[in-house]
mmCIF file of all heavy atoms, coordinates in Angstrom:
data_MODEL
# 
_entry.id   MODEL 
# 
loop_
_atom_site.group_PDB 
_atom_site.id 
_atom_site.type_symbol 
_atom_site.label_atom_id 
_atom_site.label_alt_id 
_atom_site.label_comp_id 
_atom_site.label_asym_id 
_atom_site.label_entity_id 
_atom_site.label_seq_id 
_atom_site.pdbx_PDB_ins_code 
_atom_site.Cartn_x 
_atom_site.Cartn_y 
_atom_site.Cartn_z 
_atom_site.occupancy 
_atom_site.B_iso_or_equiv 
_atom_site.pdbx_formal_charge 
_atom_site.auth_seq_id 
_atom_site.auth_comp_id 
_atom_site.auth_asym_id 
_atom_site.auth_atom_id 
_atom_site.pdbx_PDB_model_num 
ATOM 1   N N   . ILE A 1 1  ? 5.540   -1.507  5.215   1.00 0.00 ? 1  ILE A N   1 
ATOM 2   C CA  . ILE A 1 1  ? 4.990   -1.017  4.081   1.00 0.00 ? 1  ILE A CA  1 
ATOM 3   C C   . ILE A 1 1  ? 4.262   -2.162  3.177   1.00 0.00 ? 1  ILE A C   1 
ATOM 4   O O   . ILE A 1 1  ? 3.191   -1.925  2.738   1.00 0.00 ? 1  ILE A O   1 
ATOM 5   C CB  . ILE A 1 1  ? 6.034   -0.265  3.117   1.00 0.00 ? 1  ILE A CB  1 
ATOM 6   C CG1 . ILE A 1 1  ? 6.342   1.057   4.005   1.00 0.00 ? 1  ILE A CG1 1 
ATOM 7   C CG2 . ILE A 1 1  ? 5.409   0.102   1.831   1.00 0.00 ? 1  ILE A CG2 1 
ATOM 8   C CD1 . ILE A 1 1  ? 7.637   1.717   3.402   1.00 0.00 ? 1  ILE A CD1 1 
ATOM 9   N N   . LEU A 1 2  ? 4.912   -3.303  3.081   1.00 0.00 ? 2  LEU A N   1 
ATOM 10  C CA  . LEU A 1 2  ? 4.337   -4.464  2.304   1.00 0.00 ? 2  LEU A CA  1 
ATOM 11  C C   . LEU A 1 2  ? 3.097   -4.848  2.952   1.00 0.00 ? 2  LEU A C   1 
ATOM 12  O O   . LEU A 1 2  ? 2.267   -5.287  2.272   1.00 0.00 ? 2  LEU A O   1 
ATOM 13  C CB  . LEU A 1 2  ? 5.329   -5.569  2.340   1.00 0.00 ? 2  LEU A CB  1 
ATOM 14  C CG  . LEU A 1 2  ? 6.672   -5.490  1.445   1.00 0.00 ? 2  LEU A CG  1 
ATOM 15  C CD1 . LEU A 1 2  ? 7.501   -6.632  1.654   1.00 0.00 ? 2  LEU A CD1 1 
ATOM 16  C CD2 . LEU A 1 2  ? 6.268   -5.365  -0.061  1.00 0.00 ? 2  LEU A CD2 1 
ATOM 17  N N   . GLY A 1 3  ? 3.074   -4.900  4.382   1.00 0.00 ? 3  GLY A N   1 
ATOM 18  C CA  . GLY A 1 3  ? 1.990   -5.271  5.089   1.00 0.00 ? 3  GLY A CA  1 
ATOM 19  C C   . GLY A 1 3  ? 0.930   -4.249  5.301   1.00 0.00 ? 3  GLY A C   1 
ATOM 20  O O   . GLY A 1 3  ? -0.232  -4.512  5.908   1.00 0.00 ? 3  GLY A O   1 
ATOM 21  N N   . GLY A 1 4  ? 1.057   -3.061  4.806   1.00 0.00 ? 4  GLY A N   1 
ATOM 22  C CA  . GLY A 1 4  ? -0.074  -2.020  5.015   1.00 0.00 ? 4  GLY A CA  1 
ATOM 23  C C   . GLY A 1 4  ? -0.025  -1.445  6.391   1.00 0.00 ? 4  GLY A C   1 
ATOM 24  O O   . GLY A 1 4  ? -0.963  -0.786  6.721   1.00 0.00 ? 4  GLY A O   1 
ATOM 25  N N   . LEU A 1 5  ? 1.080   -1.566  7.149   1.00 0.00 ? 5  LEU A N   1 
ATOM 26  C CA  . LEU A 1 5  ? 1.050   -1.026  8.465   1.00 0.00 ? 5  LEU A CA  1 
ATOM 27  C C   . LEU A 1 5  ? 1.645   0.326   8.455   1.00 0.00 ? 5  LEU A C   1 
ATOM 28  O O   . LEU A 1 5  ? 1.549   1.133   9.416   1.00 0.00 ? 5  LEU A O   1 
ATOM 29  C CB  . LEU A 1 5  ? 1.845   -1.887  9.359   1.00 0.00 ? 5  LEU A CB  1 
ATOM 30  C CG  . LEU A 1 5  ? 1.263   -3.272  9.702   1.00 0.00 ? 5  LEU A CG  1 
ATOM 31  C CD1 . LEU A 1 5  ? 2.196   -4.121  10.495  1.00 0.00 ? 5  LEU A CD1 1 
ATOM 32  C CD2 . LEU A 1 5  ? -0.082  -3.101  10.449  1.00 0.00 ? 5  LEU A CD2 1 
ATOM 33  N N   . ASP A 1 6  ? 2.369   0.646   7.344   1.00 0.00 ? 6  ASP A N   1 
ATOM 34  C CA  . ASP A 1 6  ? 3.057   1.959   7.257   1.00 0.00 ? 6  ASP A CA  1 
ATOM 35  C C   . ASP A 1 6  ? 2.883   2.513   5.675   1.00 0.00 ? 6  ASP A C   1 
ATOM 36  O O   . ASP A 1 6  ? 2.679   1.622   4.852   1.00 0.00 ? 6  ASP A O   1 
ATOM 37  C CB  . ASP A 1 6  ? 4.475   2.033   7.574   1.00 0.00 ? 6  ASP A CB  1 
ATOM 38  C CG  . ASP A 1 6  ? 5.055   3.256   7.961   1.00 0.00 ? 6  ASP A CG  1 
ATOM 39  O OD1 . ASP A 1 6  ? 4.410   4.346   7.845   1.00 0.00 ? 6  ASP A OD1 1 
ATOM 40  O OD2 . ASP A 1 6  ? 6.356   3.337   8.451   1.00 0.00 ? 6  ASP A OD2 1 
ATOM 41  N N   . ARG A 1 7  ? 3.092   3.734   5.543   1.00 0.00 ? 7  ARG A N   1 
ATOM 42  C CA  . ARG A 1 7  ? 2.919   4.204   3.982   1.00 0.00 ? 7  ARG A CA  1 
ATOM 43  C C   . ARG A 1 7  ? 4.254   4.707   3.516   1.00 0.00 ? 7  ARG A C   1 
ATOM 44  O O   . ARG A 1 7  ? 5.074   5.242   4.320   1.00 0.00 ? 7  ARG A O   1 
ATOM 45  C CB  . ARG A 1 7  ? 1.941   5.411   3.946   1.00 0.00 ? 7  ARG A CB  1 
ATOM 46  C CG  . ARG A 1 7  ? 0.487   5.008   4.539   1.00 0.00 ? 7  ARG A CG  1 
ATOM 47  C CD  . ARG A 1 7  ? -0.444  6.043   4.117   1.00 0.00 ? 7  ARG A CD  1 
ATOM 48  N NE  . ARG A 1 7  ? -0.827  5.967   2.701   1.00 0.00 ? 7  ARG A NE  1 
ATOM 49  C CZ  . ARG A 1 7  ? -1.909  5.460   2.195   1.00 0.00 ? 7  ARG A CZ  1 
ATOM 50  N NH1 . ARG A 1 7  ? -2.999  5.272   2.945   1.00 0.00 ? 7  ARG A NH1 1 
ATOM 51  N NH2 . ARG A 1 7  ? -2.308  5.363   0.902   1.00 0.00 ? 7  ARG A NH2 1 
ATOM 52  N N   . ALA A 1 8  ? 4.487   4.499   2.224   1.00 0.00 ? 8  ALA A N   1 
ATOM 53  C CA  . ALA A 1 8  ? 5.669   4.813   1.680   1.00 0.00 ? 8  ALA A CA  1 
ATOM 54  C C   . ALA A 1 8  ? 5.688   6.298   1.446   1.00 0.00 ? 8  ALA A C   1 
ATOM 55  O O   . ALA A 1 8  ? 4.715   6.982   1.253   1.00 0.00 ? 8  ALA A O   1 
ATOM 56  C CB  . ALA A 1 8  ? 5.988   4.161   0.299   1.00 0.00 ? 8  ALA A CB  1 
ATOM 57  N N   . THR A 1 9  ? 6.822   6.999   1.498   1.00 0.00 ? 9  THR A N   1 
ATOM 58  C CA  . THR A 1 9  ? 7.029   8.394   1.109   1.00 0.00 ? 9  THR A CA  1 
ATOM 59  C C   . THR A 1 9  ? 6.942   8.567   -0.436  1.00 0.00 ? 9  THR A C   1 
ATOM 60  O O   . THR A 1 9  ? 6.448   9.485   -1.049  1.00 0.00 ? 9  THR A O   1 
ATOM 61  C CB  . THR A 1 9  ? 8.370   8.891   1.651   1.00 0.00 ? 9  THR A CB  1 
ATOM 62  O OG1 . THR A 1 9  ? 8.250   8.769   3.024   1.00 0.00 ? 9  THR A OG1 1 
ATOM 63  C CG2 . THR A 1 9  ? 8.559   10.397  1.330   1.00 0.00 ? 9  THR A CG2 1 
ATOM 64  N N   . ALA A 1 10 ? 7.561   7.476   -1.087  1.00 0.00 ? 10 ALA A N   1 
ATOM 65  C CA  . ALA A 1 10 ? 7.540   7.669   -2.588  1.00 0.00 ? 10 ALA A CA  1 
ATOM 66  C C   . ALA A 1 10 ? 7.854   6.187   -3.131  1.00 0.00 ? 10 ALA A C   1 
ATOM 67  O O   . ALA A 1 10 ? 8.329   5.264   -2.353  1.00 0.00 ? 10 ALA A O   1 
ATOM 68  C CB  . ALA A 1 10 ? 8.636   8.529   -3.150  1.00 0.00 ? 10 ALA A CB  1 
ATOM 69  N N   . GLY A 1 11 ? 7.559   5.921   -4.345  1.00 0.00 ? 11 GLY A N   1 
ATOM 70  C CA  . GLY A 1 11 ? 7.780   4.542   -4.889  1.00 0.00 ? 11 GLY A CA  1 
ATOM 71  C C   . GLY A 1 11 ? 6.498   3.712   -5.078  1.00 0.00 ? 11 GLY A C   1 
ATOM 72  O O   . GLY A 1 11 ? 5.424   4.326   -4.912  1.00 0.00 ? 11 GLY A O   1 
ATOM 73  N N   . TYR A 1 12 ? 6.670   2.647   -5.520  1.00 0.00 ? 12 TYR A N   1 
ATOM 74  C CA  . TYR A 1 12 ? 5.644   1.625   -6.058  1.00 0.00 ? 12 TYR A CA  1 
ATOM 75  C C   . TYR A 1 12 ? 5.706   0.297   -5.314  1.00 0.00 ? 12 TYR A C   1 
ATOM 76  O O   . TYR A 1 12 ? 6.736   -0.405  -5.364  1.00 0.00 ? 12 TYR A O   1 
ATOM 77  C CB  . TYR A 1 12 ? 5.732   1.556   -7.466  1.00 0.00 ? 12 TYR A CB  1 
ATOM 78  C CG  . TYR A 1 12 ? 4.786   0.492   -8.171  1.00 0.00 ? 12 TYR A CG  1 
ATOM 79  C CD1 . TYR A 1 12 ? 3.496   0.957   -8.600  1.00 0.00 ? 12 TYR A CD1 1 
ATOM 80  C CD2 . TYR A 1 12 ? 5.124   -0.713  -8.367  1.00 0.00 ? 12 TYR A CD2 1 
ATOM 81  C CE1 . TYR A 1 12 ? 2.653   0.151   -9.251  1.00 0.00 ? 12 TYR A CE1 1 
ATOM 82  C CE2 . TYR A 1 12 ? 4.339   -1.716  -9.095  1.00 0.00 ? 12 TYR A CE2 1 
ATOM 83  C CZ  . TYR A 1 12 ? 3.089   -1.126  -9.417  1.00 0.00 ? 12 TYR A CZ  1 
ATOM 84  O OH  . TYR A 1 12 ? 2.177   -2.078  -10.126 1.00 0.00 ? 12 TYR A OH  1 
ATOM 85  N N   . VAL A 1 13 ? 4.562   -0.176  -4.896  1.00 0.00 ? 13 VAL A N   1 
ATOM 86  C CA  . VAL A 1 13 ? 4.513   -1.503  -4.224  1.00 0.00 ? 13 VAL A CA  1 
ATOM 87  C C   . VAL A 1 13 ? 3.201   -2.187  -4.694  1.00 0.00 ? 13 VAL A C   1 
ATOM 88  O O   . VAL A 1 13 ? 2.082   -1.613  -4.613  1.00 0.00 ? 13 VAL A O   1 
ATOM 89  C CB  . VAL A 1 13 ? 4.433   -1.450  -2.738  1.00 0.00 ? 13 VAL A CB  1 
ATOM 90  C CG1 . VAL A 1 13 ? 4.296   -2.801  -2.172  1.00 0.00 ? 13 VAL A CG1 1 
ATOM 91  C CG2 . VAL A 1 13 ? 5.812   -0.806  -2.158  1.00 0.00 ? 13 VAL A CG2 1 
ATOM 92  N N   . LYS A 1 14 ? 3.350   -3.372  -5.358  1.00 0.00 ? 14 LYS A N   1 
ATOM 93  C CA  . LYS A 1 14 ? 2.159   -4.084  -5.870  1.00 0.00 ? 14 LYS A CA  1 
ATOM 94  C C   . LYS A 1 14 ? 2.264   -5.552  -5.174  1.00 0.00 ? 14 LYS A C   1 
ATOM 95  O O   . LYS A 1 14 ? 3.299   -6.144  -5.385  1.00 0.00 ? 14 LYS A O   1 
ATOM 96  C CB  . LYS A 1 14 ? 2.251   -4.209  -7.307  1.00 0.00 ? 14 LYS A CB  1 
ATOM 97  C CG  . LYS A 1 14 ? 0.937   -4.838  -7.902  1.00 0.00 ? 14 LYS A CG  1 
ATOM 98  C CD  . LYS A 1 14 ? 1.055   -4.914  -9.354  1.00 0.00 ? 14 LYS A CD  1 
ATOM 99  C CE  . LYS A 1 14 ? -0.238  -5.378  -10.110 1.00 0.00 ? 14 LYS A CE  1 
ATOM 100 N NZ  . LYS A 1 14 ? -0.152  -5.378  -11.583 1.00 0.00 ? 14 LYS A NZ  1 
ATOM 101 N N   . VAL A 1 15 ? 1.186   -5.987  -4.492  1.00 0.00 ? 15 VAL A N   1 
ATOM 102 C CA  . VAL A 1 15 ? 1.160   -7.207  -3.826  1.00 0.00 ? 15 VAL A CA  1 
ATOM 103 C C   . VAL A 1 15 ? -0.168  -7.988  -4.406  1.00 0.00 ? 15 VAL A C   1 
ATOM 104 O O   . VAL A 1 15 ? -1.195  -7.507  -3.987  1.00 0.00 ? 15 VAL A O   1 
ATOM 105 C CB  . VAL A 1 15 ? 1.028   -7.093  -2.256  1.00 0.00 ? 15 VAL A CB  1 
ATOM 106 C CG1 . VAL A 1 15 ? 0.935   -8.415  -1.700  1.00 0.00 ? 15 VAL A CG1 1 
ATOM 107 C CG2 . VAL A 1 15 ? 2.349   -6.244  -1.695  1.00 0.00 ? 15 VAL A CG2 1 
ATOM 108 N N   . PHE A 1 16 ? 0.047   -9.089  -5.036  1.00 0.00 ? 16 PHE A N   1 
ATOM 109 C CA  . PHE A 1 16 ? -1.065  -9.997  -5.585  1.00 0.00 ? 16 PHE A CA  1 
ATOM 110 C C   . PHE A 1 16 ? -2.001  -9.038  -6.256  1.00 0.00 ? 16 PHE A C   1 
ATOM 111 O O   . PHE A 1 16 ? -3.246  -8.955  -5.826  1.00 0.00 ? 16 PHE A O   1 
ATOM 112 C CB  . PHE A 1 16 ? -1.566  -10.718 -4.443  1.00 0.00 ? 16 PHE A CB  1 
ATOM 113 C CG  . PHE A 1 16 ? -0.740  -11.874 -4.048  1.00 0.00 ? 16 PHE A CG  1 
ATOM 114 C CD1 . PHE A 1 16 ? -0.023  -11.825 -2.857  1.00 0.00 ? 16 PHE A CD1 1 
ATOM 115 C CD2 . PHE A 1 16 ? -0.734  -13.034 -4.711  1.00 0.00 ? 16 PHE A CD2 1 
ATOM 116 C CE1 . PHE A 1 16 ? 0.889   -12.880 -2.534  1.00 0.00 ? 16 PHE A CE1 1 
ATOM 117 C CE2 . PHE A 1 16 ? 0.039   -14.134 -4.386  1.00 0.00 ? 16 PHE A CE2 1 
ATOM 118 C CZ  . PHE A 1 16 ? 0.879   -14.072 -3.341  1.00 0.00 ? 16 PHE A CZ  1 
ATOM 119 N N   . GLU A 1 17 ? -1.604  -8.271  -7.291  1.00 0.00 ? 17 GLU A N   1 
ATOM 120 C CA  . GLU A 1 17 ? -2.476  -7.527  -8.080  1.00 0.00 ? 17 GLU A CA  1 
ATOM 121 C C   . GLU A 1 17 ? -3.010  -6.287  -7.438  1.00 0.00 ? 17 GLU A C   1 
ATOM 122 O O   . GLU A 1 17 ? -3.872  -5.442  -7.941  1.00 0.00 ? 17 GLU A O   1 
ATOM 123 C CB  . GLU A 1 17 ? -3.738  -8.280  -8.746  1.00 0.00 ? 17 GLU A CB  1 
ATOM 124 C CG  . GLU A 1 17 ? -3.288  -9.458  -9.519  1.00 0.00 ? 17 GLU A CG  1 
ATOM 125 C CD  . GLU A 1 17 ? -2.183  -9.120  -10.534 1.00 0.00 ? 17 GLU A CD  1 
ATOM 126 O OE1 . GLU A 1 17 ? -2.402  -8.104  -11.193 1.00 0.00 ? 17 GLU A OE1 1 
ATOM 127 O OE2 . GLU A 1 17 ? -1.260  -9.871  -10.756 1.00 0.00 ? 17 GLU A OE2 1 
ATOM 128 N N   . THR A 1 18 ? -2.702  -5.976  -6.142  1.00 0.00 ? 18 THR A N   1 
ATOM 129 C CA  . THR A 1 18 ? -3.134  -4.748  -5.385  1.00 0.00 ? 18 THR A CA  1 
ATOM 130 C C   . THR A 1 18 ? -1.968  -3.679  -5.353  1.00 0.00 ? 18 THR A C   1 
ATOM 131 O O   . THR A 1 18 ? -0.860  -4.151  -4.838  1.00 0.00 ? 18 THR A O   1 
ATOM 132 C CB  . THR A 1 18 ? -3.496  -5.158  -3.942  1.00 0.00 ? 18 THR A CB  1 
ATOM 133 O OG1 . THR A 1 18 ? -4.700  -6.053  -3.978  1.00 0.00 ? 18 THR A OG1 1 
ATOM 134 C CG2 . THR A 1 18 ? -3.978  -3.922  -3.147  1.00 0.00 ? 18 THR A CG2 1 
ATOM 135 N N   . GLU A 1 19 ? -2.257  -2.644  -5.786  1.00 0.00 ? 19 GLU A N   1 
ATOM 136 C CA  . GLU A 1 19 ? -1.285  -1.476  -5.720  1.00 0.00 ? 19 GLU A CA  1 
ATOM 137 C C   . GLU A 1 19 ? -1.364  -0.894  -4.365  1.00 0.00 ? 19 GLU A C   1 
ATOM 138 O O   . GLU A 1 19 ? -2.185  0.034   -4.081  1.00 0.00 ? 19 GLU A O   1 
ATOM 139 C CB  . GLU A 1 19 ? -1.509  -0.504  -6.882  1.00 0.00 ? 19 GLU A CB  1 
ATOM 140 C CG  . GLU A 1 19 ? -0.271  0.475   -6.898  1.00 0.00 ? 19 GLU A CG  1 
ATOM 141 C CD  . GLU A 1 19 ? -0.448  1.389   -8.201  1.00 0.00 ? 19 GLU A CD  1 
ATOM 142 O OE1 . GLU A 1 19 ? -1.002  1.002   -9.230  1.00 0.00 ? 19 GLU A OE1 1 
ATOM 143 O OE2 . GLU A 1 19 ? 0.048   2.554   -8.046  1.00 0.00 ? 19 GLU A OE2 1 
ATOM 144 N N   . VAL A 1 20 ? -0.618  -1.301  -3.427  1.00 0.00 ? 20 VAL A N   1 
ATOM 145 C CA  . VAL A 1 20 ? -0.632  -0.965  -1.901  1.00 0.00 ? 20 VAL A CA  1 
ATOM 146 C C   . VAL A 1 20 ? -0.369  0.486   -1.879  1.00 0.00 ? 20 VAL A C   1 
ATOM 147 O O   . VAL A 1 20 ? -0.975  1.168   -0.998  1.00 0.00 ? 20 VAL A O   1 
ATOM 148 C CB  . VAL A 1 20 ? 0.387   -1.870  -1.219  1.00 0.00 ? 20 VAL A CB  1 
ATOM 149 C CG1 . VAL A 1 20 ? 0.225   -1.432  0.291   1.00 0.00 ? 20 VAL A CG1 1 
ATOM 150 C CG2 . VAL A 1 20 ? 0.178   -3.400  -1.335  1.00 0.00 ? 20 VAL A CG2 1 
ATOM 151 N N   . THR A 1 21 ? 0.594   1.065   -2.501  1.00 0.00 ? 21 THR A N   1 
ATOM 152 C CA  . THR A 1 21 ? 1.018   2.459   -2.304  1.00 0.00 ? 21 THR A CA  1 
ATOM 153 C C   . THR A 1 21 ? -0.152  3.407   -2.748  1.00 0.00 ? 21 THR A C   1 
ATOM 154 O O   . THR A 1 21 ? 0.005   4.658   -2.536  1.00 0.00 ? 21 THR A O   1 
ATOM 155 C CB  . THR A 1 21 ? 2.257   2.736   -3.202  1.00 0.00 ? 21 THR A CB  1 
ATOM 156 O OG1 . THR A 1 21 ? 2.302   2.009   -4.431  1.00 0.00 ? 21 THR A OG1 1 
ATOM 157 C CG2 . THR A 1 21 ? 3.572   2.314   -2.406  1.00 0.00 ? 21 THR A CG2 1 
ATOM 158 N N   . SER A 1 22 ? -1.201  2.895   -3.457  1.00 0.00 ? 22 SER A N   1 
ATOM 159 C CA  . SER A 1 22 ? -2.257  3.885   -3.891  1.00 0.00 ? 22 SER A CA  1 
ATOM 160 C C   . SER A 1 22 ? -3.522  3.701   -3.025  1.00 0.00 ? 22 SER A C   1 
ATOM 161 O O   . SER A 1 22 ? -4.566  4.354   -3.273  1.00 0.00 ? 22 SER A O   1 
ATOM 162 C CB  . SER A 1 22 ? -2.510  3.717   -5.351  1.00 0.00 ? 22 SER A CB  1 
ATOM 163 O OG  . SER A 1 22 ? -3.128  2.315   -5.615  1.00 0.00 ? 22 SER A OG  1 
ATOM 164 N N   . LEU A 1 23 ? -3.394  2.834   -2.054  1.00 0.00 ? 23 LEU A N   1 
ATOM 165 C CA  . LEU A 1 23 ? -4.671  2.510   -1.353  1.00 0.00 ? 23 LEU A CA  1 
ATOM 166 C C   . LEU A 1 23 ? -4.978  3.652   -0.261  1.00 0.00 ? 23 LEU A C   1 
ATOM 167 O O   . LEU A 1 23 ? -4.222  4.233   0.326   1.00 0.00 ? 23 LEU A O   1 
ATOM 168 C CB  . LEU A 1 23 ? -4.583  1.188   -0.498  1.00 0.00 ? 23 LEU A CB  1 
ATOM 169 C CG  . LEU A 1 23 ? -4.508  -0.113  -1.289  1.00 0.00 ? 23 LEU A CG  1 
ATOM 170 C CD1 . LEU A 1 23 ? -4.287  -1.262  -0.399  1.00 0.00 ? 23 LEU A CD1 1 
ATOM 171 C CD2 . LEU A 1 23 ? -5.777  -0.254  -2.225  1.00 0.00 ? 23 LEU A CD2 1 
ATOM 172 N N   . ALA A 1 24 ? -6.233  3.888   -0.043  1.00 0.00 ? 24 ALA A N   1 
ATOM 173 C CA  . ALA A 1 24 ? -6.787  4.839   0.966   1.00 0.00 ? 24 ALA A CA  1 
ATOM 174 C C   . ALA A 1 24 ? -6.827  4.185   2.192   1.00 0.00 ? 24 ALA A C   1 
ATOM 175 O O   . ALA A 1 24 ? -6.800  2.920   2.393   1.00 0.00 ? 24 ALA A O   1 
ATOM 176 C CB  . ALA A 1 24 ? -8.228  5.338   0.468   1.00 0.00 ? 24 ALA A CB  1 
ATOM 177 N N   . PRO A 1 25 ? -6.830  4.875   3.393   1.00 0.00 ? 25 PRO A N   1 
ATOM 178 C CA  . PRO A 1 25 ? -6.696  4.267   4.743   1.00 0.00 ? 25 PRO A CA  1 
ATOM 179 C C   . PRO A 1 25 ? -7.809  3.205   4.953   1.00 0.00 ? 25 PRO A C   1 
ATOM 180 O O   . PRO A 1 25 ? -7.337  2.183   5.573   1.00 0.00 ? 25 PRO A O   1 
ATOM 181 C CB  . PRO A 1 25 ? -6.971  5.591   5.608   1.00 0.00 ? 25 PRO A CB  1 
ATOM 182 C CG  . PRO A 1 25 ? -6.433  6.723   4.904   1.00 0.00 ? 25 PRO A CG  1 
ATOM 183 C CD  . PRO A 1 25 ? -6.798  6.361   3.436   1.00 0.00 ? 25 PRO A CD  1 
ATOM 184 N N   . ASP A 1 26 ? -8.989  3.403   4.608   1.00 0.00 ? 26 ASP A N   1 
ATOM 185 C CA  . ASP A 1 26 ? -9.987  2.288   4.769   1.00 0.00 ? 26 ASP A CA  1 
ATOM 186 C C   . ASP A 1 26 ? -9.660  1.032   4.025   1.00 0.00 ? 26 ASP A C   1 
ATOM 187 O O   . ASP A 1 26 ? -10.040 -0.060  4.267   1.00 0.00 ? 26 ASP A O   1 
ATOM 188 C CB  . ASP A 1 26 ? -11.385 2.817   4.526   1.00 0.00 ? 26 ASP A CB  1 
ATOM 189 C CG  . ASP A 1 26 ? -11.616 3.297   3.042   1.00 0.00 ? 26 ASP A CG  1 
ATOM 190 O OD1 . ASP A 1 26 ? -10.582 3.816   2.571   1.00 0.00 ? 26 ASP A OD1 1 
ATOM 191 O OD2 . ASP A 1 26 ? -12.728 3.279   2.623   1.00 0.00 ? 26 ASP A OD2 1 
ATOM 192 N N   . GLU A 1 27 ? -9.167  1.311   2.761   1.00 0.00 ? 27 GLU A N   1 
ATOM 193 C CA  . GLU A 1 27 ? -8.734  0.280   1.833   1.00 0.00 ? 27 GLU A CA  1 
ATOM 194 C C   . GLU A 1 27 ? -7.527  -0.659  2.398   1.00 0.00 ? 27 GLU A C   1 
ATOM 195 O O   . GLU A 1 27 ? -7.441  -1.830  2.294   1.00 0.00 ? 27 GLU A O   1 
ATOM 196 C CB  . GLU A 1 27 ? -8.462  0.749   0.511   1.00 0.00 ? 27 GLU A CB  1 
ATOM 197 C CG  . GLU A 1 27 ? -9.668  1.266   -0.297  1.00 0.00 ? 27 GLU A CG  1 
ATOM 198 C CD  . GLU A 1 27 ? -9.197  1.890   -1.565  1.00 0.00 ? 27 GLU A CD  1 
ATOM 199 O OE1 . GLU A 1 27 ? -8.322  2.588   -1.697  1.00 0.00 ? 27 GLU A OE1 1 
ATOM 200 O OE2 . GLU A 1 27 ? -10.019 1.813   -2.633  1.00 0.00 ? 27 GLU A OE2 1 
ATOM 201 N N   . LEU A 1 28 ? -6.699  0.218   3.129   1.00 0.00 ? 28 LEU A N   1 
ATOM 202 C CA  . LEU A 1 28 ? -5.497  -0.485  3.710   1.00 0.00 ? 28 LEU A CA  1 
ATOM 203 C C   . LEU A 1 28 ? -6.024  -1.445  4.822   1.00 0.00 ? 28 LEU A C   1 
ATOM 204 O O   . LEU A 1 28 ? -5.415  -2.574  5.027   1.00 0.00 ? 28 LEU A O   1 
ATOM 205 C CB  . LEU A 1 28 ? -4.550  0.540   4.330   1.00 0.00 ? 28 LEU A CB  1 
ATOM 206 C CG  . LEU A 1 28 ? -3.602  1.216   3.372   1.00 0.00 ? 28 LEU A CG  1 
ATOM 207 C CD1 . LEU A 1 28 ? -2.749  2.143   4.120   1.00 0.00 ? 28 LEU A CD1 1 
ATOM 208 C CD2 . LEU A 1 28 ? -2.540  -0.006  2.870   1.00 0.00 ? 28 LEU A CD2 1 
ATOM 209 N N   . VAL A 1 29 ? -6.948  -1.069  5.565   1.00 0.00 ? 29 VAL A N   1 
ATOM 210 C CA  . VAL A 1 29 ? -7.559  -1.942  6.669   1.00 0.00 ? 29 VAL A CA  1 
ATOM 211 C C   . VAL A 1 29 ? -8.080  -3.269  6.100   1.00 0.00 ? 29 VAL A C   1 
ATOM 212 O O   . VAL A 1 29 ? -7.746  -4.365  6.513   1.00 0.00 ? 29 VAL A O   1 
ATOM 213 C CB  . VAL A 1 29 ? -8.665  -1.283  7.422   1.00 0.00 ? 29 VAL A CB  1 
ATOM 214 C CG1 . VAL A 1 29 ? -9.391  -2.140  8.368   1.00 0.00 ? 29 VAL A CG1 1 
ATOM 215 C CG2 . VAL A 1 29 ? -8.192  -0.165  8.112   1.00 0.00 ? 29 VAL A CG2 1 
# 
């Protein structure tokens, strides 16, 4: 989940100013 290889069911993850849990699939790439 931290690496953007899987998506969380719930919760909040922020990595270097990027809110990973809110990224769209193309943004995750």
